[in-house]
């Protein structure tokens, strides 16, 4: 599972992603974690991955950070590869000059497909150098030269990829919508669109929409081209957390656990699957205990970290509301046991939910009992139903008597006519 690998096997965790996605996540872990060993391991892995690109600036910055951490321990510090840096910088300069010449020739020929191809060469060059902003500028210029629907779709997905690598989520929805309305899409393209919608909705706090989007992703359709953004394990992780924080148990069961499509993602993340199963089976203590253990590693996820605290709170609140829903009243001692806490803490949580109008209930502080506020309404409704049914029986009885009298009068009338 993606989250647990952050501390158990960093190399396996980063191996789920494309080179640029892995670099982004390792850099984020190194910048956020307070554990020195994890920070050092992340930077060492990052150095190796950066040498697969032409990102000399990123390589130098990572090496300088590692040098500061390992000050006084030069034996553990990887050698700075100045030869690689010089050769790569020279090559970058040559390629940029060559690609710009190609672009000038293509513009002179006024052939749209050739111009688009030259802009894509410059986009990929900047991408490999880690200059995502410059790559996006070239890509934006290429959009007016897109002729075929496939080219439009590929351009939109590349912009989404660049925005995610820069953690700029606001415009992802616009380009996802454009990709969605591109004709001649296949199933693989549709899964990428759902995943992109899910990422945008999660990052902006729209958890219900995010859960619905992630639940429709087929993991085999994401492919390597999408691996800089999300892995199938991430789809399972993000989908389950967003669902638990926004959907009721029946919806979680239907959209996630009973979905053949999403089950394939869940099978790749058994710890997250167990989390959803515990929630749906009302095993809230087990579910929340597992979630608590995951909270620290989840905070090191580059896309999820800003939502972790809010999601965990919403999942717990959702559990409390759903636990109480079938009852007219319930002991706070029993609730505290179910949610693995003490009575005073569960009382404060319940009081907060009542204040937020998420829970329609009243607290008996002396007896430590939570009563449903609508209990009196239920009783009144029941009594009203009895009264209405009684009135109906009375009116029916009266109608029967009237009909019998009419029948009797009619019979008397017939006898008189015969006479």
Protein backbone atom coordinates (compact mmCIF):
# COMPACT_ATOMS: atom_id res chain seq x y z
CA UNK A 1 0.00 0.00 0.00
CA UNK A 2 1.35 3.39 -0.98
CA UNK A 3 1.17 5.04 2.42
CA UNK A 4 2.91 2.33 4.44
CA UNK A 5 5.77 2.07 1.98
CA UNK A 6 6.90 5.55 2.94
CA UNK A 7 8.52 4.15 6.05
CA UNK A 8 8.84 0.48 5.17
CA UNK A 9 10.37 0.54 1.68
CA UNK A 10 11.05 3.92 0.13
CA UNK A 11 12.54 2.44 -3.03
CA UNK A 12 9.46 0.28 -3.68
CA UNK A 13 7.23 3.29 -2.98
CA UNK A 14 9.01 5.53 -5.51
CA UNK A 15 9.10 2.65 -8.00
CA UNK A 16 5.32 2.94 -8.46
CA UNK A 17 5.74 6.22 -10.31
CA UNK A 18 7.34 7.62 -13.43
CA UNK A 19 10.71 9.32 -13.03
CA UNK A 20 9.32 12.84 -12.60
CA UNK A 21 6.52 11.73 -10.28
CA UNK A 22 8.98 9.78 -8.12
CA UNK A 23 11.33 12.78 -7.93
CA UNK A 24 8.46 15.04 -6.92
CA UNK A 25 7.35 12.69 -4.14
CA UNK A 26 10.87 12.06 -2.83
CA UNK A 27 11.62 15.78 -2.75
CA UNK A 28 8.38 16.37 -0.87
CA UNK A 29 9.14 13.64 1.67
CA UNK A 30 12.63 15.06 2.23
CA UNK A 31 11.21 18.55 2.79
CA UNK A 32 8.40 17.48 5.15
CA UNK A 33 9.65 14.61 7.30
CA UNK A 34 11.25 15.22 10.68
CA UNK A 35 13.07 11.88 10.55
CA UNK A 36 16.70 12.41 9.52
CA UNK A 37 17.19 8.87 8.19
CA UNK A 38 14.08 9.09 5.99
CA UNK A 39 15.17 12.50 4.72
CA UNK A 40 18.64 11.17 3.82
CA UNK A 41 17.28 8.05 2.10
CA UNK A 42 14.81 10.14 0.09
CA UNK A 43 17.53 12.52 -1.11
CA UNK A 44 19.87 9.68 -2.07
CA UNK A 45 17.17 8.02 -4.15
CA UNK A 46 16.30 11.40 -5.62
CA UNK A 47 19.91 11.93 -6.74
CA UNK A 48 19.90 8.63 -8.63
CA UNK A 49 16.61 9.46 -10.35
CA UNK A 50 17.69 13.01 -11.27
CA UNK A 51 20.66 11.59 -13.20
CA UNK A 52 18.15 9.79 -15.44
CA UNK A 53 16.91 13.22 -16.49
CA UNK A 54 18.77 16.36 -17.61
CA UNK A 55 17.78 18.33 -14.49
CA UNK A 56 21.19 19.63 -13.41
CA UNK A 57 19.71 22.29 -11.13
CA UNK A 58 17.63 19.75 -9.21
CA UNK A 59 20.62 17.39 -8.93
CA UNK A 60 22.83 20.15 -7.49
CA UNK A 61 20.17 21.29 -5.00
CA UNK A 62 19.53 17.74 -3.77
CA UNK A 63 23.26 17.11 -3.34
CA UNK A 64 23.69 20.35 -1.37
CA UNK A 65 20.81 19.40 0.96
CA UNK A 66 22.32 15.96 1.48
CA UNK A 67 25.72 17.52 2.16
CA UNK A 68 24.25 19.66 4.94
CA UNK A 69 22.54 16.65 6.52
CA UNK A 70 25.69 14.52 6.37
CA UNK A 71 28.08 17.22 7.54
CA UNK A 72 31.09 15.56 9.12
CA UNK A 73 30.28 12.20 7.52
CA UNK A 74 31.80 12.57 4.07
CA UNK A 75 32.06 8.80 3.63
CA UNK A 76 28.26 8.52 3.44
CA UNK A 77 27.94 11.42 1.00
CA UNK A 78 27.63 10.40 -2.68
CA UNK A 79 30.26 11.99 -4.93
CA UNK A 80 29.04 15.04 -6.83
CA UNK A 81 29.24 14.13 -10.51
CA UNK A 82 30.63 17.33 -12.02
CA UNK A 83 31.43 15.58 -15.30
CA UNK A 84 27.79 14.59 -15.76
CA UNK A 85 26.58 18.10 -14.87
CA UNK A 86 28.91 19.80 -17.39
CA UNK A 87 28.14 17.34 -20.18
CA UNK A 88 24.38 17.54 -19.56
CA UNK A 89 24.33 21.34 -19.49
CA UNK A 90 26.25 21.46 -22.78
CA UNK A 91 23.88 18.94 -24.35
CA UNK A 92 20.83 20.92 -23.14
CA UNK A 93 22.15 24.06 -24.81
CA UNK A 94 22.83 22.26 -28.11
CA UNK A 95 19.41 20.60 -28.18
CA UNK A 96 17.55 23.82 -27.40
CA UNK A 97 19.32 25.64 -30.24
CA UNK A 98 18.59 22.75 -32.62
CA UNK A 99 14.89 22.55 -31.64
CA UNK A 100 14.45 26.31 -32.04
CA UNK A 101 15.92 26.10 -35.56
CA UNK A 102 13.48 23.29 -36.35
CA UNK A 103 10.63 25.48 -35.08
CA UNK A 104 11.69 28.39 -37.30
CA UNK A 105 11.76 26.12 -40.36
CA UNK A 106 8.37 24.63 -39.48
CA UNK A 107 6.86 28.10 -39.10
CA UNK A 108 8.23 29.04 -42.50
CA UNK A 109 6.56 25.98 -44.03
CA UNK A 110 3.29 26.84 -42.21
CA UNK A 111 2.55 23.15 -41.66
CA UNK A 112 0.57 22.92 -38.44
CA UNK A 113 1.56 19.36 -37.55
CA UNK A 114 5.28 20.13 -37.95
CA UNK A 115 4.95 23.28 -35.82
CA UNK A 116 3.12 21.33 -33.13
CA UNK A 117 5.82 18.64 -33.18
CA UNK A 118 8.58 21.24 -32.71
CA UNK A 119 6.78 22.80 -29.74
CA UNK A 120 6.45 19.35 -28.21
CA UNK A 121 10.20 18.79 -28.61
CA UNK A 122 10.86 21.99 -26.65
CA UNK A 123 8.21 20.99 -24.08
CA UNK A 124 9.88 17.64 -23.45
CA UNK A 125 13.32 19.27 -23.26
CA UNK A 126 12.14 21.65 -20.52
CA UNK A 127 10.29 18.81 -18.77
CA UNK A 128 13.46 16.73 -18.57
CA UNK A 129 15.30 19.74 -17.16
CA UNK A 130 12.69 20.12 -14.42
CA UNK A 131 11.55 23.49 -15.76
CA UNK A 132 7.84 22.70 -15.73
CA UNK A 133 6.70 26.32 -16.12
CA UNK A 134 8.70 26.76 -19.34
CA UNK A 135 7.47 23.39 -20.60
CA UNK A 136 3.88 24.50 -20.08
CA UNK A 137 4.46 27.74 -22.01
CA UNK A 138 5.69 25.82 -25.06
CA UNK A 139 2.83 23.38 -24.74
CA UNK A 140 0.28 26.21 -24.56
CA UNK A 141 1.65 27.61 -27.83
CA UNK A 142 1.26 24.22 -29.49
CA UNK A 143 -2.48 24.06 -28.75
CA UNK A 144 -3.48 26.29 -31.66
CA UNK A 145 -1.73 23.88 -34.04
CA UNK A 146 -3.56 20.78 -32.83
CA UNK A 147 -5.65 19.40 -35.68
CA UNK A 148 -6.53 15.81 -34.76
CA UNK A 149 -8.67 15.01 -31.68
CA UNK A 150 -5.95 12.65 -30.44
CA UNK A 151 -3.48 15.56 -30.43
CA UNK A 152 -5.92 17.74 -28.47
CA UNK A 153 -6.42 14.99 -25.89
CA UNK A 154 -2.67 14.34 -25.53
CA UNK A 155 -1.98 18.06 -25.08
CA UNK A 156 -4.67 18.39 -22.38
CA UNK A 157 -3.32 15.39 -20.49
CA UNK A 158 0.26 16.72 -20.67
CA UNK A 159 -0.88 20.08 -19.24
CA UNK A 160 -2.67 18.20 -16.43
CA UNK A 161 0.54 16.27 -15.77
CA UNK A 162 2.59 19.50 -15.60
CA UNK A 163 0.07 21.18 -13.31
CA UNK A 164 0.09 18.20 -10.95
CA UNK A 165 3.91 18.17 -10.91
CA UNK A 166 3.76 21.84 -9.87
CA UNK A 167 0.89 21.12 -7.41
CA UNK A 168 -1.28 23.72 -9.17
CA UNK A 169 -4.69 22.07 -9.09
CA UNK A 170 -7.01 24.97 -9.91
CA UNK A 171 -6.88 24.61 -13.70
CA UNK A 172 -6.84 20.81 -13.83
CA UNK A 173 -10.63 20.74 -14.04
CA UNK A 174 -10.70 22.97 -17.16
CA UNK A 175 -8.26 20.83 -19.14
CA UNK A 176 -9.87 17.62 -17.89
CA UNK A 177 -13.21 18.90 -19.14
CA UNK A 178 -11.68 19.70 -22.54
CA UNK A 179 -10.16 16.21 -22.70
CA UNK A 180 -13.53 14.73 -21.69
CA UNK A 181 -15.29 16.45 -24.59
CA UNK A 182 -12.69 15.32 -27.12
CA UNK A 183 -14.28 12.83 -29.58
CA UNK A 184 -13.06 9.30 -30.32
CA UNK A 185 -11.89 8.49 -26.79
CA UNK A 186 -11.29 4.90 -25.73
CA UNK A 187 -11.77 3.27 -22.30
CA UNK A 188 -8.15 3.94 -21.37
CA UNK A 189 -8.58 7.65 -22.02
CA UNK A 190 -11.77 7.74 -19.95
CA UNK A 191 -10.02 6.22 -16.91
CA UNK A 192 -7.34 8.93 -17.09
CA UNK A 193 -10.07 11.57 -17.21
CA UNK A 194 -11.80 10.11 -14.13
CA UNK A 195 -8.46 9.98 -12.28
CA UNK A 196 -7.71 13.62 -13.15
CA UNK A 197 -11.19 14.72 -12.03
CA UNK A 198 -10.67 12.77 -8.80
CA UNK A 199 -7.33 14.46 -8.11
CA UNK A 200 -8.79 17.92 -8.69
CA UNK A 201 -11.86 17.28 -6.52
CA UNK A 202 -9.81 15.81 -3.69
CA UNK A 203 -7.31 18.69 -3.72
CA UNK A 204 -10.17 21.21 -3.56
CA UNK A 205 -12.04 19.39 -0.77
CA UNK A 206 -14.92 18.03 -2.90
CA UNK A 207 -14.67 14.56 -1.40
CA UNK A 208 -17.99 13.13 -2.64
CA UNK A 209 -17.19 14.05 -6.24
CA UNK A 210 -13.64 12.77 -5.81
CA UNK A 211 -14.85 9.40 -4.49
CA UNK A 212 -17.29 9.05 -7.40
CA UNK A 213 -14.55 9.83 -9.93
CA UNK A 214 -11.94 7.50 -8.41
CA UNK A 215 -14.47 4.67 -8.19
CA UNK A 216 -14.73 4.63 -12.00
CA UNK A 217 -10.99 4.30 -12.69
CA UNK A 218 -9.75 1.04 -14.18
CA UNK A 219 -6.16 0.56 -12.91
CA UNK A 220 -4.96 -1.26 -16.03
CA UNK A 221 -6.00 1.74 -18.16
CA UNK A 222 -3.81 4.29 -16.39
CA UNK A 223 -0.64 3.03 -18.04
CA UNK A 224 2.90 4.35 -17.68
CA UNK A 225 2.05 7.72 -19.25
CA UNK A 226 -0.08 8.59 -16.20
CA UNK A 227 2.35 7.27 -13.60
CA UNK A 228 3.85 10.70 -12.83
CA UNK A 229 0.47 11.67 -11.33
CA UNK A 230 -1.07 8.62 -9.67
CA UNK A 231 -0.52 4.90 -9.22
CA UNK A 232 -3.38 2.37 -8.88
CA UNK A 233 -2.58 2.21 -5.14
CA UNK A 234 -3.11 5.96 -4.93
CA UNK A 235 -6.49 5.60 -6.64
CA UNK A 236 -7.50 3.08 -3.96
CA UNK A 237 -6.12 5.22 -1.14
CA UNK A 238 -7.62 8.50 -2.28
CA UNK A 239 -10.91 6.89 -3.33
CA UNK A 240 -11.49 5.13 0.00
CA UNK A 241 -10.56 8.09 2.20
CA UNK A 242 -12.74 10.50 0.21
CA UNK A 243 -15.62 7.99 0.25
CA UNK A 244 -15.43 7.35 4.01
CA UNK A 245 -15.44 11.09 4.64
CA UNK A 246 -18.44 11.86 2.43
CA UNK A 247 -20.60 8.77 1.72
CA UNK A 248 -22.73 6.59 4.00
CA UNK A 249 -21.98 2.91 4.53
CA UNK A 250 -24.38 1.68 1.86
CA UNK A 251 -22.81 3.95 -0.77
CA UNK A 252 -19.28 2.92 0.20
CA UNK A 253 -20.30 -0.72 -0.10
CA UNK A 254 -21.97 -0.20 -3.46
CA UNK A 255 -19.51 2.16 -5.17
CA UNK A 256 -16.26 0.72 -3.84
CA UNK A 257 -16.40 -2.71 -2.23
CA UNK A 258 -19.00 -4.20 -4.58
CA UNK A 259 -17.57 -2.55 -7.70
CA UNK A 260 -15.64 -4.99 -9.88
CA UNK A 261 -13.68 -2.09 -11.35
CA UNK A 262 -12.59 -0.57 -8.05
CA UNK A 263 -11.97 -3.96 -6.42
CA UNK A 264 -8.96 -4.30 -8.70
CA UNK A 265 -7.50 -1.15 -7.17
CA UNK A 266 -8.37 -2.30 -3.64
CA UNK A 267 -6.66 -5.64 -4.16
CA UNK A 268 -3.42 -3.71 -4.71
CA UNK A 269 -3.91 -1.91 -1.38
CA UNK A 270 -5.18 -4.51 1.16
CA UNK A 271 -4.66 -2.26 4.17
CA UNK A 272 -6.94 0.38 2.69
CA UNK A 273 -9.45 -2.27 1.63
CA UNK A 274 -9.61 -3.52 5.25
CA UNK A 275 -10.20 0.06 6.37
CA UNK A 276 -13.30 0.30 4.15
CA UNK A 277 -14.54 -3.15 5.20
CA UNK A 278 -14.27 -2.26 8.91
CA UNK A 279 -16.18 0.98 8.33
CA UNK A 280 -18.98 -0.71 6.40
CA UNK A 281 -19.27 -3.42 9.07
CA UNK A 282 -19.53 -0.80 11.86
CA UNK A 283 -16.16 -1.78 13.34
CA UNK A 284 -15.36 1.86 13.97
CA UNK A 285 -12.70 1.34 16.65
CA UNK A 286 -10.65 -0.91 14.34
CA UNK A 287 -11.17 1.42 11.37
CA UNK A 288 -10.19 4.58 13.22
CA UNK A 289 -7.25 2.88 14.92
CA UNK A 290 -5.83 1.84 11.54
CA UNK A 291 -6.48 5.31 10.17
CA UNK A 292 -4.64 6.88 13.11
CA UNK A 293 -1.56 4.77 12.39
CA UNK A 294 -1.63 5.91 8.77
CA UNK A 295 -2.05 9.59 9.52
CA UNK A 296 1.69 10.38 9.75
CA UNK A 297 2.75 8.64 6.51
CA UNK A 298 -0.33 10.05 4.74
CA UNK A 299 0.88 13.55 5.63
CA UNK A 300 3.95 12.83 3.45
CA UNK A 301 1.85 12.20 0.35
CA UNK A 302 2.42 15.11 -2.04
CA UNK A 303 -1.20 15.42 -3.18
CA UNK A 304 -3.04 14.27 -0.05
CA UNK A 305 -1.11 15.96 2.74
CA UNK A 306 -3.23 19.14 2.82
CA UNK A 307 -6.43 17.13 3.23
CA UNK A 308 -5.34 14.51 5.78
CA UNK A 309 -6.47 16.25 8.98
CA UNK A 310 -9.83 17.30 7.51
CA UNK A 311 -10.51 13.86 6.00
CA UNK A 312 -9.66 12.00 9.22
CA UNK A 313 -11.98 14.31 11.18
CA UNK A 314 -14.80 13.87 8.67
CA UNK A 315 -14.42 10.09 8.69
CA UNK A 316 -14.64 9.99 12.48
CA UNK A 317 -17.64 12.33 12.51
CA UNK A 318 -19.34 10.26 9.82
CA UNK A 319 -18.81 7.14 11.92
CA UNK A 320 -20.34 8.74 15.03
CA UNK A 321 -23.40 9.96 13.11
CA UNK A 322 -23.97 6.59 11.44
CA UNK A 323 -23.43 4.70 14.70
CA UNK A 324 -26.21 6.64 16.42
CA UNK A 325 -28.66 6.73 13.48
CA UNK A 326 -30.63 3.50 14.34
CA UNK A 327 -31.09 4.37 18.04
CA UNK A 328 -33.64 6.38 20.00
CA UNK A 329 -31.03 6.66 22.76
CA UNK A 330 -27.62 5.20 23.49
CA UNK A 331 -25.19 5.21 26.40
CA UNK A 332 -22.16 7.44 25.99
CA UNK A 333 -20.15 4.74 27.79
CA UNK A 334 -21.08 2.34 24.99
CA UNK A 335 -20.22 4.92 22.32
CA UNK A 336 -16.86 5.65 23.95
CA UNK A 337 -16.04 1.95 23.83
CA UNK A 338 -17.10 1.70 20.18
CA UNK A 339 -14.85 4.63 19.21
CA UNK A 340 -11.91 3.69 21.42
CA UNK A 341 -12.00 6.78 23.61
CA UNK A 342 -13.25 7.94 27.04
CA UNK A 343 -16.71 9.19 27.95
CA UNK A 344 -15.74 12.85 28.35
CA UNK A 345 -14.06 12.93 24.95
CA UNK A 346 -16.98 11.30 23.14
CA UNK A 347 -19.36 13.71 24.88
CA UNK A 348 -17.34 16.69 23.59
CA UNK A 349 -17.33 15.22 20.08
CA UNK A 350 -21.07 14.58 20.16
CA UNK A 351 -21.73 18.10 21.50
CA UNK A 352 -19.68 19.55 18.63
CA UNK A 353 -21.64 17.54 16.06
CA UNK A 354 -24.93 18.68 17.61
CA UNK A 355 -23.71 22.29 17.43
CA UNK A 356 -22.82 21.81 13.76
CA UNK A 357 -26.28 20.24 13.17
CA UNK A 358 -24.74 17.03 11.91
CA UNK A 359 -26.42 15.15 14.75
CA UNK A 360 -30.05 15.67 15.77
CA UNK A 361 -29.80 14.68 19.43
CA UNK A 362 -29.70 15.84 23.05
CA UNK A 363 -27.20 14.88 25.76
CA UNK A 364 -28.26 13.80 29.24
CA UNK A 365 -25.03 14.82 31.01
CA UNK A 366 -26.04 13.31 34.36
CA UNK A 367 -26.96 9.85 33.07
CA UNK A 368 -24.44 10.03 30.20
CA UNK A 369 -27.05 9.12 27.60
CA UNK A 370 -27.54 10.51 24.12
CA UNK A 371 -31.20 10.89 23.12
CA UNK A 372 -32.53 11.41 19.61
CA UNK A 373 -34.24 14.82 19.42
CA UNK A 374 -36.83 13.46 17.04
CA UNK A 375 -37.88 10.69 19.46
CA UNK A 376 -40.96 12.70 20.52
CA UNK A 377 -41.85 13.28 16.89
CA UNK A 378 -41.72 9.54 16.27
CA UNK A 379 -44.06 8.89 19.18
CA UNK A 380 -46.44 11.64 18.03
CA UNK A 381 -46.41 10.25 14.49
CA UNK A 382 -47.20 6.76 15.80
CA UNK A 383 -50.06 8.06 17.93
CA UNK A 384 -51.40 10.10 15.03
CA UNK A 385 -51.31 6.99 12.82
CA UNK A 386 -53.34 5.10 15.44
CA UNK A 387 -55.87 7.93 15.61
CA UNK A 388 -56.23 8.10 11.82
CA UNK A 389 -56.66 4.35 11.57
CA UNK A 390 -59.26 4.48 14.36
CA UNK A 391 -61.14 7.23 12.58
CA UNK A 392 -61.01 5.18 9.40
CA UNK A 393 -62.40 2.10 11.16
CA UNK A 394 -65.16 4.20 12.72
CA UNK A 395 -66.12 5.73 9.38
CA UNK A 396 -66.02 2.31 7.71
CA UNK A 397 -68.27 0.84 10.41
CA UNK A 398 -70.70 3.72 9.96
CA UNK A 399 -70.72 3.20 6.21
CA UNK A 400 -71.50 -0.50 6.61
CA UNK A 401 -74.42 0.29 8.93
CA UNK A 402 -75.76 2.85 6.44
CA UNK A 403 -75.53 0.33 3.59
CA UNK A 404 -77.38 -2.26 5.64
CA UNK A 405 -80.15 0.24 6.40
CA UNK A 406 -80.42 1.10 2.72
CA UNK A 407 -80.62 -2.58 1.82
CA UNK A 408 -83.35 -3.06 4.40
CA UNK A 409 -85.35 -0.06 3.12
CA UNK A 410 -84.95 -1.27 -0.46
CA UNK A 411 -86.20 -4.75 0.54
CA UNK A 412 -89.28 -3.28 2.26
CA UNK A 413 -90.00 -1.21 -0.84
CA UNK A 414 -89.89 -4.31 -3.10
CA UNK A 415 -92.29 -6.21 -0.84
CA UNK A 416 -94.83 -3.34 -0.94
CA UNK A 417 -94.62 -3.23 -4.76
CA UNK A 418 -95.41 -6.95 -5.00
CA UNK A 419 -98.44 -6.55 -2.83
